[in-house]
């Protein structure tokens, strides 16, 4: 069932690095719209060991797929995860 859900959402085709970056970024968010810097994501234990080129290539893929968005009115290398991918139970009231 989990594999089918991943396929339905479009996560099944992601590389391991892309999935790990998405999971790391998600774990760093408290609510939809939170801005996450690439530095924070790179420091996460899931992606710490990725080569820099692999990291940025995977981020470009996530941006291209619409899973990440560039943070508005923010410095370069800052991102927002698509709002509908954030766990709604973690949102602040």
PDB file of N, CA and C in Angstrom:
ATOM      1  N   UNK A   1       0.820  -1.179   0.000  1.00  0.00           N
ATOM      2  CA  UNK A   1       0.000   0.000   0.000  1.00  0.00           C
ATOM      3  C   UNK A   1       0.874   1.257   0.000  1.00  0.00           C
ATOM      4  N   UNK A   2       1.949   1.251   0.791  1.00  0.00           N
ATOM      5  CA  UNK A   2       2.843   2.398   0.845  1.00  0.00           C
ATOM      6  C   UNK A   2       3.488   2.643  -0.513  1.00  0.00           C
ATOM      7  N   UNK A   3       3.912   1.589  -1.196  1.00  0.00           N
ATOM      8  CA  UNK A   3       4.510   1.722  -2.530  1.00  0.00           C
ATOM      9  C   UNK A   3       3.516   2.339  -3.516  1.00  0.00           C
ATOM     10  N   UNK A   4       2.263   1.935  -3.425  1.00  0.00           N
ATOM     11  CA  UNK A   4       1.246   2.481  -4.317  1.00  0.00           C
ATOM     12  C   UNK A   4       1.030   3.964  -4.023  1.00  0.00           C
ATOM     13  N   UNK A   5       1.017   4.327  -2.747  1.00  0.00           N
ATOM     14  CA  UNK A   5       0.868   5.734  -2.366  1.00  0.00           C
ATOM     15  C   UNK A   5       2.036   6.561  -2.903  1.00  0.00           C
ATOM     16  N   UNK A   6       3.260   6.033  -2.744  1.00  0.00           N
ATOM     17  CA  UNK A   6       4.432   6.726  -3.270  1.00  0.00           C
ATOM     18  C   UNK A   6       4.312   6.914  -4.778  1.00  0.00           C
ATOM     19  N   UNK A   7       3.825   5.888  -5.459  1.00  0.00           N
ATOM     20  CA  UNK A   7       3.657   5.958  -6.908  1.00  0.00           C
ATOM     21  C   UNK A   7       2.599   6.991  -7.275  1.00  0.00           C
ATOM     22  N   UNK A   8       1.491   7.001  -6.549  1.00  0.00           N
ATOM     23  CA  UNK A   8       0.401   7.937  -6.826  1.00  0.00           C
ATOM     24  C   UNK A   8       0.839   9.389  -6.639  1.00  0.00           C
ATOM     25  N   UNK A   9       1.665   9.637  -5.642  1.00  0.00           N
ATOM     26  CA  UNK A   9       2.117  10.991  -5.336  1.00  0.00           C
ATOM     27  C   UNK A   9       3.309  11.386  -6.210  1.00  0.00           C
ATOM     28  N   UNK A  10       3.946  10.401  -6.840  1.00  0.00           N
ATOM     29  CA  UNK A  10       5.086  10.677  -7.699  1.00  0.00           C
ATOM     30  C   UNK A  10       6.423  10.526  -7.024  1.00  0.00           C
ATOM     31  N   UNK A  11       6.442   9.897  -5.861  1.00  0.00           N
ATOM     32  CA  UNK A  11       7.702   9.733  -5.138  1.00  0.00           C
ATOM     33  C   UNK A  11       8.452   8.469  -5.531  1.00  0.00           C
ATOM     34  N   UNK A  12       7.783   7.521  -6.161  1.00  0.00           N
ATOM     35  CA  UNK A  12       8.398   6.234  -6.489  1.00  0.00           C
ATOM     36  C   UNK A  12       9.545   6.389  -7.473  1.00  0.00           C
ATOM     37  N   UNK A  13       9.499   7.422  -8.297  1.00  0.00           N
ATOM     38  CA  UNK A  13      10.529   7.607  -9.315  1.00  0.00           C
ATOM     39  C   UNK A  13      11.711   8.431  -8.832  1.00  0.00           C
ATOM     40  N   UNK A  14      11.675   8.901  -7.592  1.00  0.00           N
ATOM     41  CA  UNK A  14      12.783   9.693  -7.062  1.00  0.00           C
ATOM     42  C   UNK A  14      13.973   8.807  -6.745  1.00  0.00           C
ATOM     43  N   UNK A  15      15.166   9.355  -6.922  1.00  0.00           N
ATOM     44  CA  UNK A  15      16.373   8.637  -6.522  1.00  0.00           C
ATOM     45  C   UNK A  15      16.452   8.625  -4.998  1.00  0.00           C
ATOM     46  N   UNK A  16      17.344   7.840  -4.494  1.00  0.00           N
ATOM     47  CA  UNK A  16      17.527   7.787  -3.039  1.00  0.00           C
ATOM     48  C   UNK A  16      17.918   9.160  -2.487  1.00  0.00           C
ATOM     49  N   UNK A  17      18.829   9.836  -3.166  1.00  0.00           N
ATOM     50  CA  UNK A  17      19.260  11.160  -2.715  1.00  0.00           C
ATOM     51  C   UNK A  17      18.082  12.135  -2.712  1.00  0.00           C
ATOM     52  N   UNK A  18      17.266  12.104  -3.751  1.00  0.00           N
ATOM     53  CA  UNK A  18      16.114  12.997  -3.832  1.00  0.00           C
ATOM     54  C   UNK A  18      15.114  12.725  -2.708  1.00  0.00           C
ATOM     55  N   UNK A  19      14.848  11.453  -2.452  1.00  0.00           N
ATOM     56  CA  UNK A  19      13.931  11.091  -1.348  1.00  0.00           C
ATOM     57  C   UNK A  19      14.496  11.525  -0.012  1.00  0.00           C
ATOM     58  N   UNK A  20      15.782  11.282   0.201  1.00  0.00           N
ATOM     59  CA  UNK A  20      16.401  11.648   1.479  1.00  0.00           C
ATOM     60  C   UNK A  20      16.370  13.162   1.699  1.00  0.00           C
ATOM     61  N   UNK A  21      16.618  13.929   0.657  1.00  0.00           N
ATOM     62  CA  UNK A  21      16.575  15.384   0.774  1.00  0.00           C
ATOM     63  C   UNK A  21      15.156  15.845   1.073  1.00  0.00           C
ATOM     64  N   UNK A  22      14.175  15.267   0.395  1.00  0.00           N
ATOM     65  CA  UNK A  22      12.782  15.620   0.649  1.00  0.00           C
ATOM     66  C   UNK A  22      12.387  15.282   2.086  1.00  0.00           C
ATOM     67  N   UNK A  23      12.775  14.110   2.561  1.00  0.00           N
ATOM     68  CA  UNK A  23      12.470  13.717   3.943  1.00  0.00           C
ATOM     69  C   UNK A  23      13.176  14.622   4.951  1.00  0.00           C
ATOM     70  N   UNK A  24      14.429  14.952   4.683  1.00  0.00           N
ATOM     71  CA  UNK A  24      15.184  15.828   5.581  1.00  0.00           C
ATOM     72  C   UNK A  24      14.520  17.200   5.651  1.00  0.00           C
ATOM     73  N   UNK A  25      14.171  17.753   4.503  1.00  0.00           N
ATOM     74  CA  UNK A  25      13.528  19.069   4.474  1.00  0.00           C
ATOM     75  C   UNK A  25      12.189  19.024   5.197  1.00  0.00           C
ATOM     76  N   UNK A  26      11.432  17.961   4.964  1.00  0.00           N
ATOM     77  CA  UNK A  26      10.129  17.821   5.627  1.00  0.00           C
ATOM     78  C   UNK A  26      10.297  17.787   7.143  1.00  0.00           C
ATOM     79  N   UNK A  27      11.306  17.081   7.619  1.00  0.00           N
ATOM     80  CA  UNK A  27      11.501  16.976   9.070  1.00  0.00           C
ATOM     81  C   UNK A  27      11.926  18.298   9.693  1.00  0.00           C
ATOM     82  N   UNK A  28      12.442  19.213   8.887  1.00  0.00           N
ATOM     83  CA  UNK A  28      12.874  20.517   9.387  1.00  0.00           C
ATOM     84  C   UNK A  28      11.757  21.555   9.384  1.00  0.00           C
ATOM     85  N   UNK A  29      10.605  21.196   8.838  1.00  0.00           N
ATOM     86  CA  UNK A  29       9.462  22.120   8.767  1.00  0.00           C
ATOM     87  C   UNK A  29       8.538  21.927   9.960  1.00  0.00           C
ATOM     88  N   UNK A  30       8.081  23.033  10.502  1.00  0.00           N
ATOM     89  CA  UNK A  30       7.075  22.973  11.555  1.00  0.00           C
ATOM     90  C   UNK A  30       5.681  23.184  10.990  1.00  0.00           C
ATOM     91  N   UNK A  31       5.599  23.972   9.906  1.00  0.00           N
ATOM     92  CA  UNK A  31       4.294  24.251   9.295  1.00  0.00           C
ATOM     93  C   UNK A  31       4.503  24.593   7.824  1.00  0.00           C
ATOM     94  N   UNK A  32       3.452  24.495   7.033  1.00  0.00           N
ATOM     95  CA  UNK A  32       3.566  24.832   5.612  1.00  0.00           C
ATOM     96  C   UNK A  32       4.063  26.263   5.439  1.00  0.00           C
ATOM     97  N   UNK A  33       4.906  26.452   4.456  1.00  0.00           N
ATOM     98  CA  UNK A  33       5.434  27.780   4.180  1.00  0.00           C
ATOM     99  C   UNK A  33       6.739  28.088   4.873  1.00  0.00           C
ATOM    100  N   UNK A  34       7.181  27.201   5.767  1.00  0.00           N
ATOM    101  CA  UNK A  34       8.473  27.415   6.419  1.00  0.00           C
ATOM    102  C   UNK A  34       9.573  27.443   5.364  1.00  0.00           C
ATOM    103  N   UNK A  35      10.492  28.368   5.514  1.00  0.00           N
ATOM    104  CA  UNK A  35      11.624  28.468   4.604  1.00  0.00           C
ATOM    105  C   UNK A  35      12.762  27.630   5.173  1.00  0.00           C
ATOM    106  N   UNK A  36      13.329  26.806   4.306  1.00  0.00           N
ATOM    107  CA  UNK A  36      14.413  25.914   4.718  1.00  0.00           C
ATOM    108  C   UNK A  36      15.628  26.230   3.857  1.00  0.00           C
ATOM    109  N   UNK A  37      16.745  26.486   4.495  1.00  0.00           N
ATOM    110  CA  UNK A  37      17.967  26.778   3.736  1.00  0.00           C
ATOM    111  C   UNK A  37      18.631  25.464   3.324  1.00  0.00           C
ATOM    112  N   UNK A  38      19.357  25.531   2.226  1.00  0.00           N
ATOM    113  CA  UNK A  38      20.071  24.337   1.790  1.00  0.00           C
ATOM    114  C   UNK A  38      21.104  23.936   2.842  1.00  0.00           C
ATOM    115  N   UNK A  39      21.631  24.911   3.572  1.00  0.00           N
ATOM    116  CA  UNK A  39      22.602  24.622   4.628  1.00  0.00           C
ATOM    117  C   UNK A  39      21.979  23.747   5.722  1.00  0.00           C
ATOM    118  N   UNK A  40      20.746  24.077   6.116  1.00  0.00           N
ATOM    119  CA  UNK A  40      20.057  23.270   7.138  1.00  0.00           C
ATOM    120  C   UNK A  40      19.791  21.857   6.619  1.00  0.00           C
ATOM    121  N   UNK A  41      19.341  21.782   5.375  1.00  0.00           N
ATOM    122  CA  UNK A  41      19.056  20.461   4.803  1.00  0.00           C
ATOM    123  C   UNK A  41      20.344  19.654   4.727  1.00  0.00           C
ATOM    124  N   UNK A  42      21.428  20.277   4.251  1.00  0.00           N
ATOM    125  CA  UNK A  42      22.718  19.574   4.126  1.00  0.00           C
ATOM    126  C   UNK A  42      23.238  19.081   5.468  1.00  0.00           C
ATOM    127  N   UNK A  43      22.869  19.748   6.557  1.00  0.00           N
ATOM    128  CA  UNK A  43      23.311  19.342   7.886  1.00  0.00           C
ATOM    129  C   UNK A  43      22.507  18.200   8.474  1.00  0.00           C
ATOM    130  N   UNK A  44      21.411  17.841   7.845  1.00  0.00           N
ATOM    131  CA  UNK A  44      20.555  16.763   8.347  1.00  0.00           C
ATOM    132  C   UNK A  44      21.270  15.420   8.184  1.00  0.00           C
ATOM    133  N   UNK A  45      21.091  14.543   9.131  1.00  0.00           N
ATOM    134  CA  UNK A  45      21.801  13.256   9.127  1.00  0.00           C
ATOM    135  C   UNK A  45      21.515  12.403   7.892  1.00  0.00           C
ATOM    136  N   UNK A  46      20.362  12.562   7.289  1.00  0.00           N
ATOM    137  CA  UNK A  46      20.026  11.767   6.102  1.00  0.00           C
ATOM    138  C   UNK A  46      20.851  12.150   4.876  1.00  0.00           C
ATOM    139  N   UNK A  47      21.300  13.391   4.816  1.00  0.00           N
ATOM    140  CA  UNK A  47      21.981  13.855   3.606  1.00  0.00           C
ATOM    141  C   UNK A  47      23.399  14.355   3.842  1.00  0.00           C
ATOM    142  N   UNK A  48      23.851  14.303   5.056  1.00  0.00           N
ATOM    143  CA  UNK A  48      25.187  14.793   5.409  1.00  0.00           C
ATOM    144  C   UNK A  48      26.289  14.164   4.558  1.00  0.00           C
ATOM    145  N   UNK A  49      26.122  12.917   4.198  1.00  0.00           N
ATOM    146  CA  UNK A  49      27.184  12.204   3.478  1.00  0.00           C
ATOM    147  C   UNK A  49      27.111  12.383   1.956  1.00  0.00           C
ATOM    148  N   UNK A  50      26.091  13.054   1.443  1.00  0.00           N
ATOM    149  CA  UNK A  50      25.981  13.262  -0.005  1.00  0.00           C
ATOM    150  C   UNK A  50      27.047  14.229  -0.495  1.00  0.00           C
ATOM    151  N   UNK A  51      27.587  13.937  -1.658  1.00  0.00           N
ATOM    152  CA  UNK A  51      28.510  14.874  -2.293  1.00  0.00           C
ATOM    153  C   UNK A  51      27.743  16.142  -2.644  1.00  0.00           C
ATOM    154  N   UNK A  52      28.429  17.269  -2.635  1.00  0.00           N
ATOM    155  CA  UNK A  52      27.778  18.542  -2.894  1.00  0.00           C
ATOM    156  C   UNK A  52      27.095  18.550  -4.265  1.00  0.00           C
ATOM    157  N   UNK A  53      27.761  18.022  -5.277  1.00  0.00           N
ATOM    158  CA  UNK A  53      27.178  17.999  -6.623  1.00  0.00           C
ATOM    159  C   UNK A  53      25.905  17.157  -6.650  1.00  0.00           C
ATOM    160  N   UNK A  54      25.909  16.028  -5.967  1.00  0.00           N
ATOM    161  CA  UNK A  54      24.729  15.159  -5.904  1.00  0.00           C
ATOM    162  C   UNK A  54      23.593  15.873  -5.195  1.00  0.00           C
ATOM    163  N   UNK A  55      23.922  16.547  -4.102  1.00  0.00           N
ATOM    164  CA  UNK A  55      22.913  17.288  -3.342  1.00  0.00           C
ATOM    165  C   UNK A  55      22.214  18.320  -4.225  1.00  0.00           C
ATOM    166  N   UNK A  56      22.990  19.169  -4.885  1.00  0.00           N
ATOM    167  CA  UNK A  56      22.390  20.242  -5.681  1.00  0.00           C
ATOM    168  C   UNK A  56      21.691  19.720  -6.939  1.00  0.00           C
ATOM    169  N   UNK A  57      22.189  18.644  -7.503  1.00  0.00           N
ATOM    170  CA  UNK A  57      21.507  18.024  -8.643  1.00  0.00           C
ATOM    171  C   UNK A  57      20.134  17.510  -8.207  1.00  0.00           C
ATOM    172  N   UNK A  58      20.081  16.878  -7.040  1.00  0.00           N
ATOM    173  CA  UNK A  58      18.817  16.356  -6.514  1.00  0.00           C
ATOM    174  C   UNK A  58      17.857  17.499  -6.171  1.00  0.00           C
ATOM    175  N   UNK A  59      18.367  18.580  -5.615  1.00  0.00           N
ATOM    176  CA  UNK A  59      17.520  19.737  -5.301  1.00  0.00           C
ATOM    177  C   UNK A  59      16.935  20.307  -6.596  1.00  0.00           C
ATOM    178  N   UNK A  60      17.758  20.414  -7.648  1.00  0.00           N
ATOM    179  CA  UNK A  60      17.242  20.903  -8.935  1.00  0.00           C
ATOM    180  C   UNK A  60      16.126  20.004  -9.456  1.00  0.00           C
ATOM    181  N   UNK A  61      16.277  18.703  -9.286  1.00  0.00           N
ATOM    182  CA  UNK A  61      15.229  17.770  -9.713  1.00  0.00           C
ATOM    183  C   UNK A  61      13.954  18.004  -8.918  1.00  0.00           C
ATOM    184  N   UNK A  62      14.076  18.150  -7.595  1.00  0.00           N
ATOM    185  CA  UNK A  62      12.907  18.394  -6.746  1.00  0.00           C
ATOM    186  C   UNK A  62      12.227  19.713  -7.112  1.00  0.00           C
ATOM    187  N   UNK A  63      13.001  20.718  -7.461  1.00  0.00           N
ATOM    188  CA  UNK A  63      12.435  21.988  -7.922  1.00  0.00           C
ATOM    189  C   UNK A  63      11.696  21.779  -9.244  1.00  0.00           C
ATOM    190  N   UNK A  64      12.313  21.048 -10.153  1.00  0.00           N
ATOM    191  CA  UNK A  64      11.713  20.788 -11.452  1.00  0.00           C
ATOM    192  C   UNK A  64      10.421  20.006 -11.367  1.00  0.00           C
ATOM    193  N   UNK A  65      10.337  19.120 -10.391  1.00  0.00           N
ATOM    194  CA  UNK A  65       9.126  18.319 -10.195  1.00  0.00           C
ATOM    195  C   UNK A  65       8.048  19.073  -9.430  1.00  0.00           C
ATOM    196  N   UNK A  66       8.412  20.225  -8.892  1.00  0.00           N
ATOM    197  CA  UNK A  66       7.443  21.009  -8.135  1.00  0.00           C
ATOM    198  C   UNK A  66       7.298  20.573  -6.692  1.00  0.00           C
ATOM    199  N   UNK A  67       8.184  19.703  -6.216  1.00  0.00           N
ATOM    200  CA  UNK A  67       8.121  19.262  -4.819  1.00  0.00           C
ATOM    201  C   UNK A  67       8.748  20.304  -3.894  1.00  0.00           C
ATOM    202  N   UNK A  68       9.717  21.040  -4.417  1.00  0.00           N
ATOM    203  CA  UNK A  68      10.308  22.190  -3.729  1.00  0.00           C
ATOM    204  C   UNK A  68       9.952  23.420  -4.544  1.00  0.00           C
ATOM    205  N   UNK A  69       9.895  24.553  -3.877  1.00  0.00           N
ATOM    206  CA  UNK A  69       9.749  25.838  -4.545  1.00  0.00           C
ATOM    207  C   UNK A  69      10.816  26.754  -3.973  1.00  0.00           C
ATOM    208  N   UNK A  70      11.296  27.667  -4.795  1.00  0.00           N
ATOM    209  CA  UNK A  70      12.235  28.660  -4.271  1.00  0.00           C
ATOM    210  C   UNK A  70      11.471  29.557  -3.310  1.00  0.00           C
ATOM    211  N   UNK A  71      12.082  29.854  -2.187  1.00  0.00           N
ATOM    212  CA  UNK A  71      11.426  30.692  -1.183  1.00  0.00           C
ATOM    213  C   UNK A  71      11.271  32.108  -1.721  1.00  0.00           C
ATOM    214  N   UNK A  72      10.058  32.658  -1.625  1.00  0.00           N
ATOM    215  CA  UNK A  72       9.845  34.022  -2.105  1.00  0.00           C
ATOM    216  C   UNK A  72      10.539  35.041  -1.207  1.00  0.00           C
ATOM    217  N   UNK A  73      11.052  36.095  -1.811  1.00  0.00           N
ATOM    218  CA  UNK A  73      11.681  37.202  -1.077  1.00  0.00           C
ATOM    219  C   UNK A  73      12.714  36.708  -0.079  1.00  0.00           C
ATOM    220  N   UNK A  74      13.538  35.789  -0.537  1.00  0.00           N
ATOM    221  CA  UNK A  74      14.529  35.202   0.355  1.00  0.00           C
ATOM    222  C   UNK A  74      15.841  35.066  -0.403  1.00  0.00           C
ATOM    223  N   UNK A  75      16.902  34.840   0.344  1.00  0.00           N
ATOM    224  CA  UNK A  75      18.200  34.636  -0.277  1.00  0.00           C
ATOM    225  C   UNK A  75      18.175  33.375  -1.143  1.00  0.00           C
ATOM    226  N   UNK A  76      19.142  33.293  -2.031  1.00  0.00           N
ATOM    227  CA  UNK A  76      19.282  32.097  -2.860  1.00  0.00           C
ATOM    228  C   UNK A  76      19.515  30.883  -1.959  1.00  0.00           C
ATOM    229  N   UNK A  77      19.222  29.743  -2.481  1.00  0.00           N
ATOM    230  CA  UNK A  77      19.415  28.474  -1.783  1.00  0.00           C
ATOM    231  C   UNK A  77      18.494  28.329  -0.575  1.00  0.00           C
ATOM    232  N   UNK A  78      17.325  28.918  -0.661  1.00  0.00           N
ATOM    233  CA  UNK A  78      16.294  28.742   0.359  1.00  0.00           C
ATOM    234  C   UNK A  78      15.045  28.226  -0.336  1.00  0.00           C
ATOM    235  N   UNK A  79      14.384  27.279   0.307  1.00  0.00           N
ATOM    236  CA  UNK A  79      13.290  26.576  -0.343  1.00  0.00           C
ATOM    237  C   UNK A  79      12.087  26.441   0.569  1.00  0.00           C
ATOM    238  N   UNK A  80      10.968  26.135  -0.052  1.00  0.00           N
ATOM    239  CA  UNK A  80       9.731  25.827   0.648  1.00  0.00           C
ATOM    240  C   UNK A  80       9.242  24.512   0.060  1.00  0.00           C
ATOM    241  N   UNK A  81       8.832  23.578   0.920  1.00  0.00           N
ATOM    242  CA  UNK A  81       8.242  22.339   0.437  1.00  0.00           C
ATOM    243  C   UNK A  81       6.811  22.633   0.036  1.00  0.00           C
ATOM    244  N   UNK A  82       6.371  22.022  -1.026  1.00  0.00           N
ATOM    245  CA  UNK A  82       4.991  22.208  -1.457  1.00  0.00           C
ATOM    246  C   UNK A  82       4.069  21.979  -0.269  1.00  0.00           C
ATOM    247  N   UNK A  83       3.150  22.914  -0.022  1.00  0.00           N
ATOM    248  CA  UNK A  83       2.299  22.914   1.167  1.00  0.00           C
ATOM    249  C   UNK A  83       1.504  21.652   1.389  1.00  0.00           C
ATOM    250  N   UNK A  84       1.044  21.010   0.322  1.00  0.00           N
ATOM    251  CA  UNK A  84       0.227  19.817   0.499  1.00  0.00           C
ATOM    252  C   UNK A  84       1.045  18.588   0.862  1.00  0.00           C
ATOM    253  N   UNK A  85       2.378  18.725   0.937  1.00  0.00           N
ATOM    254  CA  UNK A  85       3.214  17.599   1.338  1.00  0.00           C
ATOM    255  C   UNK A  85       3.540  17.621   2.826  1.00  0.00           C
ATOM    256  N   UNK A  86       3.192  18.715   3.500  1.00  0.00           N
ATOM    257  CA  UNK A  86       3.468  18.839   4.933  1.00  0.00           C
ATOM    258  C   UNK A  86       2.386  18.105   5.708  1.00  0.00           C
ATOM    259  N   UNK A  87       2.803  17.379   6.740  1.00  0.00           N
ATOM    260  CA  UNK A  87       1.884  16.656   7.613  1.00  0.00           C
ATOM    261  C   UNK A  87       1.010  17.662   8.355  1.00  0.00           C
ATOM    262  N   UNK A  88      -0.285  17.663   8.062  1.00  0.00           N
ATOM    263  CA  UNK A  88      -1.188  18.649   8.663  1.00  0.00           C
ATOM    264  C   UNK A  88      -1.305  18.514  10.176  1.00  0.00           C
ATOM    265  N   UNK A  89      -0.990  17.365  10.739  1.00  0.00           N
ATOM    266  CA  UNK A  89      -1.041  17.187  12.194  1.00  0.00           C
ATOM    267  C   UNK A  89       0.044  17.990  12.892  1.00  0.00           C
ATOM    268  N   UNK A  90       1.099  18.375  12.156  1.00  0.00           N
ATOM    269  CA  UNK A  90       2.204  19.114  12.751  1.00  0.00           C
ATOM    270  C   UNK A  90       1.992  20.609  12.680  1.00  0.00           C
ATOM    271  N   UNK A  91       0.921  21.067  12.032  1.00  0.00           N
ATOM    272  CA  UNK A  91       0.683  22.497  11.890  1.00  0.00           C
ATOM    273  C   UNK A  91       0.341  23.125  13.226  1.00  0.00           C
ATOM    274  N   UNK A  92       0.769  24.348  13.381  1.00  0.00           N
ATOM    275  CA  UNK A  92       0.410  25.105  14.591  1.00  0.00           C
ATOM    276  C   UNK A  92      -0.994  25.633  14.437  1.00  0.00           C
ATOM    277  N   UNK A  93      -1.772  25.742  15.526  1.00  0.00           N
ATOM    278  CA  UNK A  93      -3.131  26.265  15.425  1.00  0.00           C
ATOM    279  C   UNK A  93      -3.153  27.731  15.080  1.00  0.00           C
TER     280      UNK A  93
END
